[in-house]
Protein backbone atom coordinates (compact mmCIF):
# COMPACT_ATOMS: atom_id res chain seq x y z
CA MET A 1 36.06 -34.53 -0.24
CA ASN A 2 32.84 -34.12 -2.28
CA ALA A 3 31.03 -30.74 -3.00
CA GLU A 4 28.37 -31.24 -0.09
CA GLN A 5 31.25 -32.14 2.44
CA SER A 6 33.26 -29.09 1.33
CA ALA A 7 30.08 -26.83 1.63
CA ARG A 8 29.46 -28.32 5.15
CA ARG A 9 32.86 -27.44 6.17
CA ASP A 10 32.83 -23.91 4.72
CA LEU A 11 29.53 -23.06 6.12
CA THR A 12 30.54 -24.55 9.68
CA VAL A 13 33.58 -22.26 9.59
CA ALA A 14 31.36 -19.14 8.69
CA PHE A 15 29.14 -19.96 11.74
CA ARG A 16 32.02 -20.34 14.06
CA TRP A 17 33.69 -16.97 12.82
CA ALA A 18 30.46 -15.12 12.94
CA ALA A 19 30.12 -16.34 16.69
CA LYS A 20 33.65 -15.52 17.50
CA LEU A 21 33.26 -11.96 16.18
CA GLU A 22 29.90 -11.60 17.88
CA MET A 23 28.14 -11.11 14.45
CA HIS A 24 25.08 -12.93 15.36
CA GLU A 25 22.11 -12.54 17.79
CA ALA A 26 20.93 -15.46 19.88
CA THR A 27 19.71 -18.35 17.76
CA ALA A 28 17.26 -16.85 15.39
CA ASN A 29 19.79 -16.29 12.53
CA HIS A 30 20.47 -18.40 9.48
CA PHE A 31 23.11 -19.12 7.04
CA SER A 32 22.59 -21.36 4.00
CA VAL A 33 24.58 -22.50 0.90
CA ALA A 34 23.26 -24.17 -2.24
CA VAL A 35 24.74 -27.55 -3.07
CA SER A 36 22.91 -28.44 -6.36
CA GLN A 37 22.85 -26.82 -9.75
CA ASP A 38 19.27 -25.46 -9.47
CA SER A 39 20.10 -24.18 -5.98
CA GLN A 40 17.01 -25.99 -4.58
CA ASN A 41 19.17 -28.21 -2.40
CA PHE A 42 20.80 -26.21 0.26
CA LEU A 43 22.31 -26.72 3.70
CA ILE A 44 21.02 -24.62 6.55
CA ASN A 45 21.51 -24.40 10.33
CA PRO A 46 18.89 -26.16 12.52
CA ALA A 47 16.52 -23.92 14.57
CA GLY A 48 17.77 -22.97 18.08
CA ARG A 49 21.50 -23.97 17.61
CA HIS A 50 23.88 -21.18 18.68
CA PHE A 51 26.42 -20.31 15.86
CA SER A 52 29.26 -21.22 18.11
CA LEU A 53 27.86 -24.90 18.54
CA VAL A 54 27.08 -25.67 14.85
CA ARG A 55 29.04 -28.74 13.50
CA ALA A 56 29.09 -29.67 9.85
CA SER A 57 27.00 -32.79 10.74
CA ASP A 58 24.38 -30.62 12.26
CA LEU A 59 23.52 -28.79 8.97
CA VAL A 60 20.12 -29.82 7.56
CA LEU A 61 19.98 -30.69 3.76
CA VAL A 62 16.75 -29.12 2.54
CA ASP A 63 15.41 -30.33 -0.89
CA LEU A 64 12.65 -27.81 -2.01
CA ASN A 65 11.98 -30.17 -5.04
CA ALA A 66 10.99 -33.12 -2.91
CA ASN A 67 7.30 -34.03 -2.69
CA ASN A 68 7.37 -34.68 0.92
CA PHE A 69 9.24 -31.50 1.77
CA GLY A 70 8.35 -30.07 5.08
CA ILE A 71 7.85 -33.13 7.03
CA ALA A 72 11.36 -33.70 8.50
CA GLU A 73 12.91 -30.28 7.69
CA SER A 74 10.14 -28.50 9.49
CA GLN A 75 11.01 -30.16 12.65
CA LEU A 76 14.70 -29.03 12.32
CA VAL A 77 14.65 -25.73 10.40
CA ASP A 78 12.80 -22.54 11.21
CA PRO A 79 9.98 -22.39 8.52
CA THR A 80 10.77 -18.62 7.90
CA ALA A 81 14.31 -19.59 7.02
CA ILE A 82 13.19 -22.05 4.43
CA ASN A 83 10.68 -19.63 2.86
CA LEU A 84 13.40 -16.89 2.81
CA HIS A 85 16.37 -18.78 1.82
CA GLY A 86 14.55 -21.29 -0.47
CA GLN A 87 13.23 -18.42 -2.61
CA LEU A 88 16.44 -16.41 -2.56
CA HIS A 89 18.42 -19.38 -3.70
CA LYS A 90 15.90 -20.28 -6.36
CA LEU A 91 15.35 -16.81 -7.78
CA LEU A 92 18.84 -15.22 -7.54
CA PRO A 93 21.78 -17.01 -9.33
CA HIS A 94 24.35 -14.97 -7.29
CA ALA A 95 22.89 -16.26 -3.98
CA LYS A 96 24.61 -19.50 -3.67
CA CYS A 97 25.36 -18.54 0.02
CA ILE A 98 22.99 -16.48 2.15
CA LEU A 99 23.86 -15.09 5.49
CA HIS A 100 20.98 -13.49 7.55
CA THR A 101 21.48 -12.14 10.96
CA HIS A 102 20.05 -9.55 13.41
CA MET A 103 23.49 -8.13 14.50
CA PRO A 104 22.72 -5.46 17.12
CA TYR A 105 24.41 -2.53 15.37
CA THR A 106 23.16 -3.52 11.92
CA THR A 107 19.65 -4.12 13.19
CA ALA A 108 19.85 -0.62 14.89
CA LEU A 109 20.63 0.97 11.51
CA ALA A 110 17.89 -0.98 9.85
CA CYS A 111 15.44 0.42 12.27
CA LEU A 112 16.24 4.05 11.41
CA ARG A 113 13.70 5.70 9.28
CA ASP A 114 14.97 6.06 5.64
CA PHE A 115 18.41 4.82 6.60
CA GLU A 116 20.94 4.73 3.80
CA PHE A 117 24.44 3.44 4.08
CA LEU A 118 26.60 6.68 3.22
CA MET A 119 29.57 6.27 0.88
CA LEU A 120 31.98 8.49 3.08
CA ASP A 121 35.20 6.36 2.96
CA GLN A 122 36.87 3.77 0.92
CA ASN A 123 35.56 0.86 3.17
CA ALA A 124 31.89 2.09 2.61
CA CYS A 125 32.49 2.76 -1.25
CA ARG A 126 33.25 -1.02 -1.51
CA PHE A 127 29.44 -1.29 -1.40
CA TYR A 128 28.68 1.45 -3.94
CA GLU A 129 25.41 0.47 -5.64
CA ARG A 130 25.36 -2.94 -4.09
CA ILE A 131 23.09 -2.36 -1.18
CA ALA A 132 19.38 -2.61 -1.38
CA TYR A 133 16.91 -1.50 1.17
CA ASP A 134 13.53 -3.31 2.04
CA ARG A 135 11.60 -0.60 3.54
CA ASP A 136 8.42 -2.61 3.71
CA TYR A 137 9.63 -5.65 5.46
CA SER A 138 6.89 -6.59 7.84
CA GLY A 139 8.00 -9.44 9.88
CA MET A 140 8.46 -13.27 9.70
CA ALA A 141 8.52 -15.02 6.24
CA LEU A 142 5.79 -17.32 7.01
CA GLU A 143 4.91 -17.85 3.20
CA ALA A 144 7.16 -18.41 0.24
CA SER A 145 5.49 -15.29 -1.34
CA GLU A 146 7.48 -13.15 1.26
CA GLY A 147 10.70 -14.82 0.22
CA GLN A 148 9.86 -14.02 -3.47
CA ARG A 149 9.14 -10.45 -2.53
CA VAL A 150 12.48 -10.16 -0.65
CA ALA A 151 14.39 -11.67 -3.70
CA LYS A 152 12.79 -8.93 -5.92
CA VAL A 153 14.00 -6.20 -3.65
CA LEU A 154 17.46 -7.56 -3.61
CA GLY A 155 17.54 -8.09 -7.28
CA ASP A 156 20.34 -9.47 -9.53
CA SER A 157 22.94 -6.86 -8.84
CA LYS A 158 22.89 -6.36 -5.10
CA SER A 159 24.66 -8.40 -2.41
CA VAL A 160 23.48 -6.54 0.75
CA LEU A 161 19.79 -6.19 1.78
CA PHE A 162 18.85 -4.15 4.82
CA LEU A 163 15.59 -5.38 6.14
CA ALA A 164 13.50 -2.46 7.88
CA ASN A 165 13.26 -3.05 11.56
CA HIS A 166 14.80 -6.53 11.15
CA GLY A 167 18.42 -7.12 10.18
CA VAL A 168 20.51 -7.79 7.12
CA ILE A 169 21.00 -10.36 4.41
CA VAL A 170 24.26 -10.85 2.60
CA VAL A 171 24.55 -13.13 -0.39
CA GLY A 172 27.50 -14.37 -2.52
CA ASN A 173 28.45 -16.96 -5.10
CA SER A 174 30.36 -18.78 -2.30
CA VAL A 175 30.59 -19.12 1.39
CA ALA A 176 34.00 -17.14 1.41
CA GLU A 177 32.48 -14.34 -0.81
CA ALA A 178 29.43 -13.90 1.21
CA PHE A 179 31.37 -13.98 4.43
CA ASP A 180 33.80 -11.42 3.08
CA GLU A 181 30.82 -9.05 2.28
CA PHE A 182 29.34 -9.87 5.79
CA GLY A 183 32.40 -9.10 7.69
CA SER A 184 33.18 -5.89 6.01
């Protein structure tokens, strides 16, 4: 099994487990995993596909370096996902896998004014100094510049980003690492 096939399998398992654990919201969520050294080739779910139905063969291979990028991919992938995931993969070396959802409880927390995750027990302390908060998140990432801004907020040392009034982004060096953070 080559690296892309392995990444397809791992990401598909993450989709299925997220659905089984009800850690998704409808079809407007996206997971991606980089499959090239420069992270500009990545696999991502097609728009409108429920997590429980994603198959390895459904994942779209996006190449942000391609001169003709946007023609075929834009018909299959939500453009906001490409703007967000593309920039995070490009700018953050530790973001090999990106999990972005609007889980109901997490989104509710992200909607609270000045919310901060309190380090009250050992489970919470696992995330000590690893959570970023984007209090200026203003909606859909319709331009690559919004992805760049979000990457700057997340930074090089954080693995979780609460997006105000939106949801959460979790990143990791692998699908397994990101999903472990995501499910905790």
